[in-house]
Amino acid sequence: MAKKRGKRHSGQSDTTRARKPKPLSPRPESDQPPSSAAWARSVMRHAKRESPVDTAALASCAAAGIVTVQPGEALDLAAIDANADGGLDKEASKQALLVEHGRIQALQERLYAEHRRSLLVVLQAIDTGGKDGTIRSVFEGVNPQGCRVWSFKVPSAEERDHDFLWRYHAKVPGRGMIGVFNRSHYEDVLVVRVKSLEPEGVWRPRYDLINDFERMLTLSGVTVLKFFLHISKDEQKERLEARIADPEKHWKFDAADLVERQSWDAYQGAFTDALSRCSTSHAPWHVVPANRKWYRNLLVARTIANTLEAMDPRYPDAQPGIAELTVPD
């Protein structure tokens, strides 16, 4: 009779070890592989309800100055001051950002070494909202081996041949990694809705599918951290005018941005619904006042650092006897 294998010791206590859902192998109803949405629903039906992410800890990770949308809350986006600065000035914020850089870099190294969980940072904003600038500023100095940034543009022909979550699921960060989505799966309830690319009967059910998808990621050890960079209509106008006035910024300007600006109210309504319907205990939405870029960068960086700290990644146990080894001449 074969001996039972003992449990492998991970070097972590039960309180710090992330729980893993039981692996699933749902059988597709046809010869085609199951879609991302179907897979998410399957996991939701069968996986354990306990999450490896401490949702109570996540709720306290947002930096002061951020508005976290409470689950089930009807958000009033217009009531949030996009021009807020938290009583800080530009220089003070930049100095504070350096501290957050150090925290993120140290915690990212531990996450990479631990190789058991991952962090997905989702950035959404209206045009000129500052997603690119936020990524450049917040992740300055982070080891690129442990961080990947994905920007989602108009879907390719191959991507259109799959369910709407397929292309996003493929880019979810693996264990030990930080992944950043510059635009995300929310485009399929934002631009798709505003431009009527799909009928309402197609895009409206996607709110629930997105919630299932993010819950499935959470159960799989992915912490989902979502930021909406909130700017005012006047601020967008100034930023578009600055791009027109500066020849070195012409590459960033697209005449279509002026057409999109005419849909400001429609986009604000779409953002409001997405933030309200898809802010959950395991993946809450954080609204960041983003008119002042230096304040925006600090809030996002501090929240990421706080979240990594709450995840508390640990270096794996070293091989025994290393301290006693000597390097030969």
C-alpha atoms as a PDB file:
ATOM      1  CA  MET A   1       0.000   0.000   0.000  1.00  0.00           C
ATOM      2  CA  ALA A   2       1.411   3.379  -0.994  1.00  0.00           C
ATOM      3  CA  LYS A   3       2.230   5.708   1.853  1.00  0.00           C
ATOM      4  CA  LYS A   4       0.258   8.919   2.141  1.00  0.00           C
ATOM      5  CA  ARG A   5       2.284  11.947   1.316  1.00  0.00           C
ATOM      6  CA  GLY A   6       2.739  14.454   4.090  1.00  0.00           C
ATOM      7  CA  LYS A   7       1.682  18.055   3.641  1.00  0.00           C
ATOM      8  CA  ARG A   8       4.364  20.301   2.319  1.00  0.00           C
ATOM      9  CA  HIS A   9       5.397  22.943   4.816  1.00  0.00           C
ATOM     10  CA  SER A  10       5.078  26.434   3.336  1.00  0.00           C
ATOM     11  CA  GLY A  11       6.814  28.296   6.134  1.00  0.00           C
ATOM     12  CA  GLN A  12       3.682  30.327   6.898  1.00  0.00           C
ATOM     13  CA  SER A  13       1.060  30.083   9.581  1.00  0.00           C
ATOM     14  CA  ASP A  14      -2.538  29.256   8.751  1.00  0.00           C
ATOM     15  CA  THR A  15      -3.489  32.871   9.329  1.00  0.00           C
ATOM     16  CA  THR A  16      -1.089  34.167   6.696  1.00  0.00           C
ATOM     17  CA  ARG A  17      -1.465  31.393   4.149  1.00  0.00           C
ATOM     18  CA  ALA A  18      -3.833  32.332   1.306  1.00  0.00           C
ATOM     19  CA  ARG A  19      -6.606  29.807   0.909  1.00  0.00           C
ATOM     20  CA  LYS A  20      -6.896  28.201  -2.488  1.00  0.00           C
ATOM     21  CA  PRO A  21     -10.196  27.115  -3.980  1.00  0.00           C
ATOM     22  CA  LYS A  22     -10.507  23.507  -5.044  1.00  0.00           C
ATOM     23  CA  PRO A  23      -9.358  23.196  -8.676  1.00  0.00           C
ATOM     24  CA  LEU A  24     -12.269  22.892 -11.036  1.00  0.00           C
ATOM     25  CA  SER A  25     -12.641  21.126 -14.345  1.00  0.00           C
ATOM     26  CA  PRO A  26     -16.122  21.958 -15.589  1.00  0.00           C
ATOM     27  CA  ARG A  27     -17.099  20.002 -18.658  1.00  0.00           C
ATOM     28  CA  PRO A  28     -18.119  22.205 -21.611  1.00  0.00           C
ATOM     29  CA  GLU A  29     -21.437  21.442 -23.206  1.00  0.00           C
ATOM     30  CA  SER A  30     -19.861  21.386 -26.656  1.00  0.00           C
ATOM     31  CA  ASP A  31     -16.475  20.697 -28.186  1.00  0.00           C
ATOM     32  CA  GLN A  32     -15.576  24.375 -27.742  1.00  0.00           C
ATOM     33  CA  PRO A  33     -13.669  25.448 -24.597  1.00  0.00           C
ATOM     34  CA  PRO A  34     -15.783  27.248 -21.998  1.00  0.00           C
ATOM     35  CA  SER A  35     -15.811  31.040 -22.246  1.00  0.00           C
ATOM     36  CA  SER A  36     -14.366  33.257 -19.515  1.00  0.00           C
ATOM     37  CA  ALA A  37     -17.859  34.287 -18.453  1.00  0.00           C
ATOM     38  CA  ALA A  38     -19.048  30.669 -18.272  1.00  0.00           C
ATOM     39  CA  TRP A  39     -15.942  29.717 -16.338  1.00  0.00           C
ATOM     40  CA  ALA A  40     -16.571  32.544 -13.867  1.00  0.00           C
ATOM     41  CA  ARG A  41     -20.133  31.361 -13.317  1.00  0.00           C
ATOM     42  CA  SER A  42     -18.914  27.798 -12.831  1.00  0.00           C
ATOM     43  CA  VAL A  43     -16.402  28.862 -10.199  1.00  0.00           C
ATOM     44  CA  MET A  44     -19.065  30.890  -8.432  1.00  0.00           C
ATOM     45  CA  ARG A  45     -21.317  27.828  -8.257  1.00  0.00           C
ATOM     46  CA  HIS A  46     -18.681  25.386  -7.049  1.00  0.00           C
ATOM     47  CA  ALA A  47     -15.827  27.206  -5.319  1.00  0.00           C
ATOM     48  CA  LYS A  48     -15.610  27.706  -1.600  1.00  0.00           C
ATOM     49  CA  ARG A  49     -17.114  30.976  -0.490  1.00  0.00           C
ATOM     50  CA  GLU A  50     -14.149  31.882   1.673  1.00  0.00           C
ATOM     51  CA  SER A  51     -11.872  34.369  -0.046  1.00  0.00           C
ATOM     52  CA  PRO A  52      -8.066  34.365   0.193  1.00  0.00           C
ATOM     53  CA  VAL A  53      -8.301  38.162   0.287  1.00  0.00           C
ATOM     54  CA  ASP A  54      -9.112  39.760   3.640  1.00  0.00           C
ATOM     55  CA  THR A  55     -11.958  41.997   2.501  1.00  0.00           C
ATOM     56  CA  ALA A  56     -12.182  43.731   5.871  1.00  0.00           C
ATOM     57  CA  ALA A  57      -8.527  44.736   5.569  1.00  0.00           C
ATOM     58  CA  LEU A  58      -9.066  45.894   1.989  1.00  0.00           C
ATOM     59  CA  ALA A  59     -11.813  48.261   3.110  1.00  0.00           C
ATOM     60  CA  SER A  60      -9.312  50.238   5.187  1.00  0.00           C
ATOM     61  CA  CYS A  61      -6.557  50.442   2.543  1.00  0.00           C
ATOM     62  CA  ALA A  62      -7.802  53.498   0.666  1.00  0.00           C
ATOM     63  CA  ALA A  63      -5.745  56.613   1.319  1.00  0.00           C
ATOM     64  CA  ALA A  64      -7.487  59.530   3.010  1.00  0.00           C
ATOM     65  CA  GLY A  65      -8.954  61.698   0.253  1.00  0.00           C
ATOM     66  CA  ILE A  66     -10.247  58.802  -1.829  1.00  0.00           C
ATOM     67  CA  VAL A  67     -13.962  58.075  -2.006  1.00  0.00           C
ATOM     68  CA  THR A  68     -14.587  54.329  -1.810  1.00  0.00           C
ATOM     69  CA  VAL A  69     -17.931  53.278  -3.267  1.00  0.00           C
ATOM     70  CA  GLN A  70     -19.758  51.122  -0.749  1.00  0.00           C
ATOM     71  CA  PRO A  71     -21.406  47.940  -2.079  1.00  0.00           C
ATOM     72  CA  GLY A  72     -24.990  48.655  -3.058  1.00  0.00           C
ATOM     73  CA  GLU A  73     -24.461  52.409  -2.836  1.00  0.00           C
ATOM     74  CA  ALA A  74     -25.968  54.668  -5.508  1.00  0.00           C
ATOM     75  CA  LEU A  75     -22.973  56.877  -6.266  1.00  0.00           C
ATOM     76  CA  ASP A  76     -23.388  60.609  -6.952  1.00  0.00           C
ATOM     77  CA  LEU A  77     -20.262  61.179  -9.036  1.00  0.00           C
ATOM     78  CA  ALA A  78     -21.035  64.857  -9.589  1.00  0.00           C
ATOM     79  CA  ALA A  79     -20.923  65.458  -5.829  1.00  0.00           C
ATOM     80  CA  ILE A  80     -17.254  64.400  -5.576  1.00  0.00           C
ATOM     81  CA  ASP A  81     -14.842  67.336  -5.825  1.00  0.00           C
ATOM     82  CA  ALA A  82     -12.372  66.486  -8.589  1.00  0.00           C
ATOM     83  CA  ASN A  83     -10.282  69.501  -7.546  1.00  0.00           C
ATOM     84  CA  ALA A  84      -9.625  68.322  -3.973  1.00  0.00           C
ATOM     85  CA  ASP A  85      -6.050  68.455  -2.694  1.00  0.00           C
ATOM     86  CA  GLY A  86      -6.367  67.182   0.885  1.00  0.00           C
ATOM     87  CA  GLY A  87      -4.840  70.390   2.195  1.00  0.00           C
ATOM     88  CA  LEU A  88      -1.475  69.493   0.627  1.00  0.00           C
ATOM     89  CA  ASP A  89       0.646  71.407  -1.823  1.00  0.00           C
ATOM     90  CA  LYS A  90       2.515  70.081  -4.827  1.00  0.00           C
ATOM     91  CA  GLU A  91       5.928  69.859  -3.173  1.00  0.00           C
ATOM     92  CA  ALA A  92       4.635  68.136  -0.039  1.00  0.00           C
ATOM     93  CA  SER A  93       2.789  65.593  -2.163  1.00  0.00           C
ATOM     94  CA  LYS A  94       5.884  64.846  -4.229  1.00  0.00           C
ATOM     95  CA  GLN A  95       7.951  64.257  -1.094  1.00  0.00           C
ATOM     96  CA  ALA A  96       5.272  61.977   0.333  1.00  0.00           C
ATOM     97  CA  LEU A  97       5.168  60.093  -2.970  1.00  0.00           C
ATOM     98  CA  LEU A  98       8.843  59.174  -2.582  1.00  0.00           C
ATOM     99  CA  VAL A  99       7.986  57.399   0.665  1.00  0.00           C
ATOM    100  CA  GLU A 100       5.220  55.444  -1.076  1.00  0.00           C
ATOM    101  CA  HIS A 101       7.623  54.496  -3.884  1.00  0.00           C
ATOM    102  CA  GLY A 102       9.889  52.892  -1.309  1.00  0.00           C
ATOM    103  CA  ARG A 103       7.013  50.973   0.271  1.00  0.00           C
ATOM    104  CA  ILE A 104       5.746  49.673  -3.080  1.00  0.00           C
ATOM    105  CA  GLN A 105       9.210  48.606  -4.211  1.00  0.00           C
ATOM    106  CA  ALA A 106       9.915  46.677  -0.991  1.00  0.00           C
ATOM    107  CA  LEU A 107       6.507  45.002  -0.875  1.00  0.00           C
ATOM    108  CA  GLN A 108       6.580  44.159  -4.579  1.00  0.00           C
ATOM    109  CA  GLU A 109       9.860  42.310  -4.059  1.00  0.00           C
ATOM    110  CA  ARG A 110       8.285  40.267  -1.277  1.00  0.00           C
ATOM    111  CA  LEU A 111       5.219  39.519  -3.411  1.00  0.00           C
ATOM    112  CA  TYR A 112       7.445  38.363  -6.276  1.00  0.00           C
ATOM    113  CA  ALA A 113       9.558  36.193  -3.980  1.00  0.00           C
ATOM    114  CA  GLU A 114       6.537  34.663  -2.252  1.00  0.00           C
ATOM    115  CA  HIS A 115       5.054  33.644  -5.640  1.00  0.00           C
ATOM    116  CA  ARG A 116       1.642  32.700  -4.238  1.00  0.00           C
ATOM    117  CA  ARG A 117      -0.680  35.646  -4.903  1.00  0.00           C
ATOM    118  CA  SER A 118      -0.937  38.607  -7.256  1.00  0.00           C
ATOM    119  CA  LEU A 119      -2.279  42.163  -7.454  1.00  0.00           C
ATOM    120  CA  LEU A 120      -4.366  43.541 -10.319  1.00  0.00           C
ATOM    121  CA  VAL A 121      -4.602  47.343 -10.510  1.00  0.00           C
ATOM    122  CA  VAL A 122      -7.435  48.602 -12.725  1.00  0.00           C
ATOM    123  CA  LEU A 123      -7.380  52.215 -13.963  1.00  0.00           C
ATOM    124  CA  GLN A 124     -10.404  53.804 -15.609  1.00  0.00           C
ATOM    125  CA  ALA A 125     -11.017  57.426 -16.557  1.00  0.00           C
ATOM    126  CA  ILE A 126     -12.543  59.584 -19.217  1.00  0.00           C
ATOM    127  CA  ASP A 127     -10.221  60.825 -22.012  1.00  0.00           C
ATOM    128  CA  THR A 128      -7.293  62.893 -20.599  1.00  0.00           C
ATOM    129  CA  GLY A 129      -8.115  61.511 -17.147  1.00  0.00           C
ATOM    130  CA  GLY A 130      -4.461  60.686 -16.490  1.00  0.00           C
ATOM    131  CA  LYS A 131      -4.133  56.909 -16.647  1.00  0.00           C
ATOM    132  CA  ASP A 132      -0.761  56.991 -18.458  1.00  0.00           C
ATOM    133  CA  GLY A 133       0.672  59.653 -16.154  1.00  0.00           C
ATOM    134  CA  THR A 134      -0.501  57.772 -13.073  1.00  0.00           C
ATOM    135  CA  ILE A 135       1.231  54.581 -14.201  1.00  0.00           C
ATOM    136  CA  ARG A 136       4.495  56.418 -14.964  1.00  0.00           C
ATOM    137  CA  SER A 137       4.525  58.185 -11.617  1.00  0.00           C
ATOM    138  CA  VAL A 138       3.232  55.514  -9.254  1.00  0.00           C
ATOM    139  CA  PHE A 139       5.319  52.602 -10.547  1.00  0.00           C
ATOM    140  CA  GLU A 140       8.572  54.498 -10.903  1.00  0.00           C
ATOM    141  CA  GLY A 141      11.402  52.306  -9.658  1.00  0.00           C
ATOM    142  CA  VAL A 142       9.357  49.097  -9.500  1.00  0.00           C
ATOM    143  CA  ASN A 143      11.244  46.049 -10.786  1.00  0.00           C
ATOM    144  CA  PRO A 144       9.819  45.432 -14.284  1.00  0.00           C
ATOM    145  CA  GLN A 145      10.335  41.679 -13.815  1.00  0.00           C
ATOM    146  CA  GLY A 146       7.450  41.700 -11.365  1.00  0.00           C
ATOM    147  CA  CYS A 147       5.104  44.168 -13.035  1.00  0.00           C
ATOM    148  CA  ARG A 148       3.200  44.163 -16.349  1.00  0.00           C
ATOM    149  CA  VAL A 149       1.091  46.950 -17.855  1.00  0.00           C
ATOM    150  CA  TRP A 150      -1.618  46.188 -20.397  1.00  0.00           C
ATOM    151  CA  SER A 151      -3.452  48.816 -22.429  1.00  0.00           C
ATOM    152  CA  PHE A 152      -6.732  47.736 -24.005  1.00  0.00           C
ATOM    153  CA  LYS A 153      -7.650  49.468 -27.237  1.00  0.00           C
ATOM    154  CA  VAL A 154     -10.263  48.572 -29.840  1.00  0.00           C
ATOM    155  CA  PRO A 155     -10.554  44.757 -29.797  1.00  0.00           C
ATOM    156  CA  SER A 156      -8.907  42.837 -32.615  1.00  0.00           C
ATOM    157  CA  ALA A 157     -10.782  40.471 -34.931  1.00  0.00           C
ATOM    158  CA  GLU A 158      -9.580  37.515 -32.846  1.00  0.00           C
ATOM    159  CA  GLU A 159     -10.720  39.167 -29.617  1.00  0.00           C
ATOM    160  CA  ARG A 160     -14.146  39.911 -31.093  1.00  0.00           C
ATOM    161  CA  ASP A 161     -14.515  36.205 -31.908  1.00  0.00           C
ATOM    162  CA  HIS A 162     -14.512  35.397 -28.162  1.00  0.00           C
ATOM    163  CA  ASP A 163     -16.643  36.441 -25.215  1.00  0.00           C
ATOM    164  CA  PHE A 164     -16.045  39.980 -23.945  1.00  0.00           C
ATOM    165  CA  LEU A 165     -13.938  38.882 -20.955  1.00  0.00           C
ATOM    166  CA  TRP A 166     -11.582  36.661 -22.935  1.00  0.00           C
ATOM    167  CA  ARG A 167      -8.905  39.219 -23.763  1.00  0.00           C
ATOM    168  CA  TYR A 168      -8.806  40.596 -20.215  1.00  0.00           C
ATOM    169  CA  HIS A 169      -8.669  37.205 -18.533  1.00  0.00           C
ATOM    170  CA  ALA A 170      -5.610  36.330 -20.584  1.00  0.00           C
ATOM    171  CA  LYS A 171      -3.706  39.298 -19.096  1.00  0.00           C
ATOM    172  CA  VAL A 172      -4.555  38.778 -15.425  1.00  0.00           C
ATOM    173  CA  PRO A 173      -1.263  38.739 -13.457  1.00  0.00           C
ATOM    174  CA  GLY A 174       0.149  35.384 -12.472  1.00  0.00           C
ATOM    175  CA  ARG A 175       1.442  34.496  -9.030  1.00  0.00           C
ATOM    176  CA  GLY A 176       3.957  36.945  -7.643  1.00  0.00           C
ATOM    177  CA  MET A 177       3.102  39.623 -10.196  1.00  0.00           C
ATOM    178  CA  ILE A 178       1.533  43.076 -10.198  1.00  0.00           C
ATOM    179  CA  GLY A 179      -0.616  43.668 -13.273  1.00  0.00           C
ATOM    180  CA  VAL A 180      -1.924  47.067 -14.360  1.00  0.00           C
ATOM    181  CA  PHE A 181      -4.899  47.466 -16.689  1.00  0.00           C
ATOM    182  CA  ASN A 182      -4.893  50.796 -18.546  1.00  0.00           C
ATOM    183  CA  ARG A 183      -8.586  50.638 -19.397  1.00  0.00           C
ATOM    184  CA  SER A 184     -10.121  47.260 -18.681  1.00  0.00           C
ATOM    185  CA  HIS A 185     -13.108  44.932 -18.878  1.00  0.00           C
ATOM    186  CA  TYR A 186     -15.231  47.943 -17.888  1.00  0.00           C
ATOM    187  CA  GLU A 187     -14.900  49.329 -21.407  1.00  0.00           C
ATOM    188  CA  ASP A 188     -17.592  46.812 -22.325  1.00  0.00           C
ATOM    189  CA  VAL A 189     -20.144  48.653 -20.173  1.00  0.00           C
ATOM    190  CA  LEU A 190     -18.742  52.123 -20.911  1.00  0.00           C
ATOM    191  CA  VAL A 191     -17.762  52.856 -24.518  1.00  0.00           C
ATOM    192  CA  VAL A 192     -19.890  49.943 -25.736  1.00  0.00           C
ATOM    193  CA  ARG A 193     -22.880  51.476 -23.983  1.00  0.00           C
ATOM    194  CA  VAL A 194     -22.273  55.131 -24.913  1.00  0.00           C
ATOM    195  CA  LYS A 195     -21.566  54.398 -28.571  1.00  0.00           C
ATOM    196  CA  SER A 196     -24.339  51.783 -28.803  1.00  0.00           C
ATOM    197  CA  LEU A 197     -21.890  49.177 -30.109  1.00  0.00           C
ATOM    198  CA  GLU A 198     -24.132  46.505 -28.600  1.00  0.00           C
ATOM    199  CA  PRO A 199     -27.841  46.611 -27.700  1.00  0.00           C
ATOM    200  CA  GLU A 200     -28.753  47.147 -24.055  1.00  0.00           C
ATOM    201  CA  GLY A 201     -29.831  43.529 -23.787  1.00  0.00           C
ATOM    202  CA  VAL A 202     -26.193  42.564 -24.398  1.00  0.00           C
ATOM    203  CA  TRP A 203     -24.243  45.068 -22.284  1.00  0.00           C
ATOM    204  CA  ARG A 204     -26.542  45.354 -19.261  1.00  0.00           C
ATOM    205  CA  PRO A 205     -26.075  41.725 -18.057  1.00  0.00           C
ATOM    206  CA  ARG A 206     -22.324  42.311 -18.135  1.00  0.00           C
ATOM    207  CA  TYR A 207     -22.368  44.079 -14.753  1.00  0.00           C
ATOM    208  CA  ASP A 208     -23.194  40.786 -13.049  1.00  0.00           C
ATOM    209  CA  LEU A 209     -20.718  38.865 -15.209  1.00  0.00           C
ATOM    210  CA  ILE A 210     -17.970  41.349 -14.268  1.00  0.00           C
ATOM    211  CA  ASN A 211     -18.770  40.890 -10.579  1.00  0.00           C
ATOM    212  CA  ASP A 212     -18.596  37.105 -11.019  1.00  0.00           C
ATOM    213  CA  PHE A 213     -15.313  37.426 -12.911  1.00  0.00           C
ATOM    214  CA  GLU A 214     -13.704  39.571 -10.215  1.00  0.00           C
ATOM    215  CA  ARG A 215     -15.005  37.270  -7.490  1.00  0.00           C
ATOM    216  CA  MET A 216     -13.464  34.320  -9.309  1.00  0.00           C
ATOM    217  CA  LEU A 217     -10.119  36.136  -9.521  1.00  0.00           C
ATOM    218  CA  THR A 218     -10.294  36.910  -5.815  1.00  0.00           C
ATOM    219  CA  LEU A 219     -10.970  33.273  -4.988  1.00  0.00           C
ATOM    220  CA  SER A 220      -7.920  32.395  -7.085  1.00  0.00           C
ATOM    221  CA  GLY A 221      -5.598  34.624  -5.039  1.00  0.00           C
ATOM    222  CA  VAL A 222      -5.743  37.813  -7.129  1.00  0.00           C
ATOM    223  CA  THR A 223      -6.378  41.020  -5.206  1.00  0.00           C
ATOM    224  CA  VAL A 224      -8.350  43.385  -7.470  1.00  0.00           C
ATOM    225  CA  LEU A 225      -7.746  47.085  -6.829  1.00  0.00           C
ATOM    226  CA  LYS A 226      -9.834  49.488  -8.932  1.00  0.00           C
ATOM    227  CA  PHE A 227      -9.330  53.245  -9.364  1.00  0.00           C
ATOM    228  CA  PHE A 228     -11.536  55.722 -11.185  1.00  0.00           C
ATOM    229  CA  LEU A 229      -9.573  58.907 -11.921  1.00  0.00           C
ATOM    230  CA  HIS A 230     -12.173  61.641 -11.573  1.00  0.00           C
ATOM    231  CA  ILE A 231     -11.611  64.923 -13.445  1.00  0.00           C
ATOM    232  CA  SER A 232     -13.985  67.794 -14.152  1.00  0.00           C
ATOM    233  CA  LYS A 233     -15.252  68.822 -17.569  1.00  0.00           C
ATOM    234  CA  ASP A 234     -13.350  72.121 -17.312  1.00  0.00           C
ATOM    235  CA  GLU A 235     -10.143  70.242 -16.522  1.00  0.00           C
ATOM    236  CA  GLN A 236     -10.592  68.019 -19.559  1.00  0.00           C
ATOM    237  CA  LYS A 237     -10.987  71.113 -21.729  1.00  0.00           C
ATOM    238  CA  GLU A 238      -7.726  72.579 -20.385  1.00  0.00           C
ATOM    239  CA  ARG A 239      -5.850  69.344 -21.000  1.00  0.00           C
ATOM    240  CA  LEU A 240      -7.130  69.014 -24.551  1.00  0.00           C
ATOM    241  CA  GLU A 241      -6.190  72.649 -25.252  1.00  0.00           C
ATOM    242  CA  ALA A 242      -2.716  72.028 -23.820  1.00  0.00           C
ATOM    243  CA  ARG A 243      -2.225  69.115 -26.226  1.00  0.00           C
ATOM    244  CA  ILE A 244      -3.246  71.290 -29.161  1.00  0.00           C
ATOM    245  CA  ALA A 245      -0.958  74.141 -28.085  1.00  0.00           C
ATOM    246  CA  ASP A 246       2.158  72.013 -27.550  1.00  0.00           C
ATOM    247  CA  PRO A 247       3.643  70.419 -30.716  1.00  0.00           C
ATOM    248  CA  GLU A 248       5.389  67.798 -28.574  1.00  0.00           C
ATOM    249  CA  LYS A 249       1.983  66.628 -27.359  1.00  0.00           C
ATOM    250  CA  HIS A 250       0.340  66.422 -30.766  1.00  0.00           C
ATOM    251  CA  TRP A 251       1.051  62.699 -30.885  1.00  0.00           C
ATOM    252  CA  LYS A 252      -1.296  62.292 -27.922  1.00  0.00           C
ATOM    253  CA  PHE A 253      -4.100  64.237 -29.576  1.00  0.00           C
ATOM    254  CA  ASP A 254      -6.829  62.665 -31.661  1.00  0.00           C
ATOM    255  CA  ALA A 255      -9.554  64.740 -33.278  1.00  0.00           C
ATOM    256  CA  ALA A 256     -11.941  62.014 -32.175  1.00  0.00           C
ATOM    257  CA  ASP A 257     -11.366  63.208 -28.585  1.00  0.00           C
ATOM    258  CA  LEU A 258     -13.405  66.318 -29.413  1.00  0.00           C
ATOM    259  CA  VAL A 259     -16.257  64.134 -30.639  1.00  0.00           C
ATOM    260  CA  GLU A 260     -16.045  62.012 -27.494  1.00  0.00           C
ATOM    261  CA  ARG A 261     -16.193  65.172 -25.372  1.00  0.00           C
ATOM    262  CA  GLN A 262     -19.679  65.824 -26.727  1.00  0.00           C
ATOM    263  CA  SER A 263     -20.747  62.628 -24.957  1.00  0.00           C
ATOM    264  CA  TRP A 264     -19.488  63.844 -21.564  1.00  0.00           C
ATOM    265  CA  ASP A 265     -22.848  63.474 -19.819  1.00  0.00           C
ATOM    266  CA  ALA A 266     -23.451  60.034 -21.318  1.00  0.00           C
ATOM    267  CA  TYR A 267     -20.033  58.853 -20.129  1.00  0.00           C
ATOM    268  CA  GLN A 268     -20.603  60.258 -16.655  1.00  0.00           C
ATOM    269  CA  GLY A 269     -23.848  58.289 -16.482  1.00  0.00           C
ATOM    270  CA  ALA A 270     -22.122  55.118 -17.684  1.00  0.00           C
ATOM    271  CA  PHE A 271     -19.280  55.540 -15.179  1.00  0.00           C
ATOM    272  CA  THR A 272     -21.746  56.180 -12.364  1.00  0.00           C
ATOM    273  CA  ASP A 273     -23.670  52.976 -13.104  1.00  0.00           C
ATOM    274  CA  ALA A 274     -20.500  50.878 -13.446  1.00  0.00           C
ATOM    275  CA  LEU A 275     -19.027  52.176 -10.193  1.00  0.00           C
ATOM    276  CA  SER A 276     -22.316  51.708  -8.342  1.00  0.00           C
ATOM    277  CA  ARG A 277     -23.150  48.250  -9.656  1.00  0.00           C
ATOM    278  CA  CYS A 278     -19.648  46.767  -9.583  1.00  0.00           C
ATOM    279  CA  SER A 279     -18.243  47.961  -6.263  1.00  0.00           C
ATOM    280  CA  THR A 280     -18.157  44.868  -4.063  1.00  0.00           C
ATOM    281  CA  SER A 281     -16.573  43.907  -0.759  1.00  0.00           C
ATOM    282  CA  HIS A 282     -13.893  41.886  -2.562  1.00  0.00           C
ATOM    283  CA  ALA A 283     -13.243  44.453  -5.326  1.00  0.00           C
ATOM    284  CA  PRO A 284     -14.411  47.949  -4.303  1.00  0.00           C
ATOM    285  CA  TRP A 285     -14.160  50.969  -6.567  1.00  0.00           C
ATOM    286  CA  HIS A 286     -12.025  53.903  -5.397  1.00  0.00           C
ATOM    287  CA  VAL A 287     -12.824  57.348  -6.818  1.00  0.00           C
ATOM    288  CA  VAL A 288      -9.679  59.505  -6.939  1.00  0.00           C
ATOM    289  CA  PRO A 289      -9.913  63.315  -7.218  1.00  0.00           C
ATOM    290  CA  ALA A 290      -7.655  63.729 -10.253  1.00  0.00           C
ATOM    291  CA  ASN A 291      -7.637  67.364 -11.369  1.00  0.00           C
ATOM    292  CA  ARG A 292      -4.393  67.856  -9.464  1.00  0.00           C
ATOM    293  CA  LYS A 293      -2.017  65.280 -10.877  1.00  0.00           C
ATOM    294  CA  TRP A 294       0.416  65.329  -7.960  1.00  0.00           C
ATOM    295  CA  TYR A 295      -2.386  64.656  -5.475  1.00  0.00           C
ATOM    296  CA  ARG A 296      -3.834  61.909  -7.691  1.00  0.00           C
ATOM    297  CA  ASN A 297      -0.465  60.154  -7.883  1.00  0.00           C
ATOM    298  CA  LEU A 298      -0.004  60.234  -4.117  1.00  0.00           C
ATOM    299  CA  LEU A 299      -3.473  58.830  -3.390  1.00  0.00           C
ATOM    300  CA  VAL A 300      -3.105  55.959  -5.852  1.00  0.00           C
ATOM    301  CA  ALA A 301       0.432  55.101  -4.715  1.00  0.00           C
ATOM    302  CA  ARG A 302      -0.488  55.178  -1.034  1.00  0.00           C
ATOM    303  CA  THR A 303      -3.517  52.957  -1.596  1.00  0.00           C
ATOM    304  CA  ILE A 304      -1.451  50.429  -3.564  1.00  0.00           C
ATOM    305  CA  ALA A 305       1.190  50.399  -0.828  1.00  0.00           C
ATOM    306  CA  ASN A 306      -1.477  49.992   1.862  1.00  0.00           C
ATOM    307  CA  THR A 307      -3.058  47.128  -0.076  1.00  0.00           C
ATOM    308  CA  LEU A 308       0.243  45.299  -0.530  1.00  0.00           C
ATOM    309  CA  GLU A 309       0.924  45.783   3.162  1.00  0.00           C
ATOM    310  CA  ALA A 310      -2.466  44.289   4.027  1.00  0.00           C
ATOM    311  CA  MET A 311      -1.698  41.332   1.752  1.00  0.00           C
ATOM    312  CA  ASP A 312       1.469  40.901   3.835  1.00  0.00           C
ATOM    313  CA  PRO A 313       3.566  38.891   1.349  1.00  0.00           C
ATOM    314  CA  ARG A 314       6.389  36.901   2.970  1.00  0.00           C
ATOM    315  CA  TYR A 315       9.759  35.789   1.725  1.00  0.00           C
ATOM    316  CA  PRO A 316       9.815  31.988   1.386  1.00  0.00           C
ATOM    317  CA  ASP A 317      11.841  29.958   3.863  1.00  0.00           C
ATOM    318  CA  ALA A 318      15.480  29.667   2.923  1.00  0.00           C
ATOM    319  CA  GLN A 319      17.064  26.289   2.354  1.00  0.00           C
ATOM    320  CA  PRO A 320      18.423  24.955   5.644  1.00  0.00           C
ATOM    321  CA  GLY A 321      22.070  25.446   6.360  1.00  0.00           C
ATOM    322  CA  ILE A 322      22.706  28.361   4.009  1.00  0.00           C
ATOM    323  CA  ALA A 323      24.113  30.544   6.794  1.00  0.00           C
ATOM    324  CA  GLU A 324      26.802  27.958   7.480  1.00  0.00           C
ATOM    325  CA  LEU A 325      27.978  27.677   3.856  1.00  0.00           C
ATOM    326  CA  THR A 326      31.248  29.155   2.685  1.00  0.00           C
ATOM    327  CA  VAL A 327      32.078  30.270  -0.831  1.00  0.00           C
ATOM    328  CA  PRO A 328      35.200  28.489  -2.135  1.00  0.00           C
ATOM    329  CA  ASP A 329      38.148  30.560  -3.338  1.00  0.00           C
END
